[in-house]
Amino acid sequence: MRKVVDCRDFPSETQCSLAITGEEDEVVRAAGEHAASVHGHENTPELRNQIRTMLKDEAPQHA
């Protein structure tokens, strides 16, 4: 099952609207890089573990 993390779920000064979807490890890696480059967080193992706990299952796509 693909996972998603959405910046809109977390208040920020930048009002970021980015959502990242993919396989769990891909999303955690990309979200950590995004959190560091855009939101000024340090991309640490602790941050990535926190991100992992915030992942949601992607909603099924209907054709």
C-alpha atoms as a PDB file:
ATOM      1  CA  MET A   1       0.000   0.000   0.000  1.00  0.00           C
ATOM      2  CA  ARG A   2       1.337   3.406  -0.970  1.00  0.00           C
ATOM      3  CA  LYS A   3       1.706   6.018   1.772  1.00  0.00           C
ATOM      4  CA  VAL A   4       1.125   9.757   1.863  1.00  0.00           C
ATOM      5  CA  VAL A   5       2.227  12.635   4.077  1.00  0.00           C
ATOM      6  CA  ASP A   6       0.677  16.072   3.559  1.00  0.00           C
ATOM      7  CA  CYS A   7       2.133  19.346   4.851  1.00  0.00           C
ATOM      8  CA  ARG A   8      -1.400  20.751   5.113  1.00  0.00           C
ATOM      9  CA  ASP A   9      -1.900  18.429   8.111  1.00  0.00           C
ATOM     10  CA  PHE A  10       0.784  20.359  10.028  1.00  0.00           C
ATOM     11  CA  PRO A  11       0.533  24.109  10.640  1.00  0.00           C
ATOM     12  CA  SER A  12       3.490  26.107   9.353  1.00  0.00           C
ATOM     13  CA  GLU A  13       4.357  29.717   8.703  1.00  0.00           C
ATOM     14  CA  THR A  14       4.803  28.984   5.004  1.00  0.00           C
ATOM     15  CA  GLN A  15       1.345  27.382   4.675  1.00  0.00           C
ATOM     16  CA  CYS A  16       2.992  24.666   2.601  1.00  0.00           C
ATOM     17  CA  SER A  17       0.580  22.550   0.576  1.00  0.00           C
ATOM     18  CA  LEU A  18       2.948  19.808  -0.597  1.00  0.00           C
ATOM     19  CA  ALA A  19       1.784  16.191  -0.396  1.00  0.00           C
ATOM     20  CA  ILE A  20       4.233  13.337  -0.982  1.00  0.00           C
ATOM     21  CA  THR A  21       2.965   9.911  -2.046  1.00  0.00           C
ATOM     22  CA  GLY A  22       4.800   6.673  -2.758  1.00  0.00           C
ATOM     23  CA  GLU A  23       6.291   3.618  -1.136  1.00  0.00           C
ATOM     24  CA  GLU A  24       6.905   4.137   2.595  1.00  0.00           C
ATOM     25  CA  ASP A  25      10.700   4.457   2.473  1.00  0.00           C
ATOM     26  CA  GLU A  26      10.522   6.826  -0.511  1.00  0.00           C
ATOM     27  CA  VAL A  27       8.026   9.083   1.240  1.00  0.00           C
ATOM     28  CA  VAL A  28      10.016   9.172   4.476  1.00  0.00           C
ATOM     29  CA  ARG A  29      13.225  10.032   2.615  1.00  0.00           C
ATOM     30  CA  ALA A  30      11.599  12.737   0.463  1.00  0.00           C
ATOM     31  CA  ALA A  31       9.644  14.214   3.378  1.00  0.00           C
ATOM     32  CA  GLY A  32      12.809  14.421   5.472  1.00  0.00           C
ATOM     33  CA  GLU A  33      14.619  16.236   2.679  1.00  0.00           C
ATOM     34  CA  HIS A  34      11.633  18.558   2.201  1.00  0.00           C
ATOM     35  CA  ALA A  35      11.366  19.277   5.945  1.00  0.00           C
ATOM     36  CA  ALA A  36      15.045  20.251   5.968  1.00  0.00           C
ATOM     37  CA  SER A  37      15.181  22.318   2.779  1.00  0.00           C
ATOM     38  CA  VAL A  38      11.838  24.112   3.088  1.00  0.00           C
ATOM     39  CA  HIS A  39      10.931  24.111   6.771  1.00  0.00           C
ATOM     40  CA  GLY A  40      14.408  24.387   8.301  1.00  0.00           C
ATOM     41  CA  HIS A  41      14.336  21.128  10.280  1.00  0.00           C
ATOM     42  CA  GLU A  42      17.438  18.995  10.642  1.00  0.00           C
ATOM     43  CA  ASN A  43      17.063  15.795   8.572  1.00  0.00           C
ATOM     44  CA  THR A  44      17.915  13.359  11.369  1.00  0.00           C
ATOM     45  CA  PRO A  45      16.943   9.732  12.014  1.00  0.00           C
ATOM     46  CA  GLU A  46      14.637  11.045  14.759  1.00  0.00           C
ATOM     47  CA  LEU A  47      12.839  13.339  12.298  1.00  0.00           C
ATOM     48  CA  ARG A  48      12.442  10.519   9.780  1.00  0.00           C
ATOM     49  CA  ASN A  49      11.061   8.229  12.506  1.00  0.00           C
ATOM     50  CA  GLN A  50       8.570  10.946  13.460  1.00  0.00           C
ATOM     51  CA  ILE A  51       7.556  11.335   9.815  1.00  0.00           C
ATOM     52  CA  ARG A  52       7.083   7.569   9.550  1.00  0.00           C
ATOM     53  CA  THR A  53       4.517   7.692  12.398  1.00  0.00           C
ATOM     54  CA  MET A  54       2.545  10.390  10.530  1.00  0.00           C
ATOM     55  CA  LEU A  55       2.124   8.479   7.272  1.00  0.00           C
ATOM     56  CA  LYS A  56      -1.362   7.657   6.075  1.00  0.00           C
ATOM     57  CA  ASP A  57      -2.487   5.079   3.556  1.00  0.00           C
ATOM     58  CA  GLU A  58      -3.118   6.554   0.143  1.00  0.00           C
ATOM     59  CA  ALA A  59      -6.790   6.797  -0.748  1.00  0.00           C
ATOM     60  CA  PRO A  60      -7.774   4.318  -3.474  1.00  0.00           C
ATOM     61  CA  GLN A  61      -8.024   5.836  -6.938  1.00  0.00           C
ATOM     62  CA  HIS A  62     -11.318   5.326  -8.750  1.00  0.00           C
ATOM     63  CA  ALA A  63     -11.233   5.158 -12.528  1.00  0.00           C
END
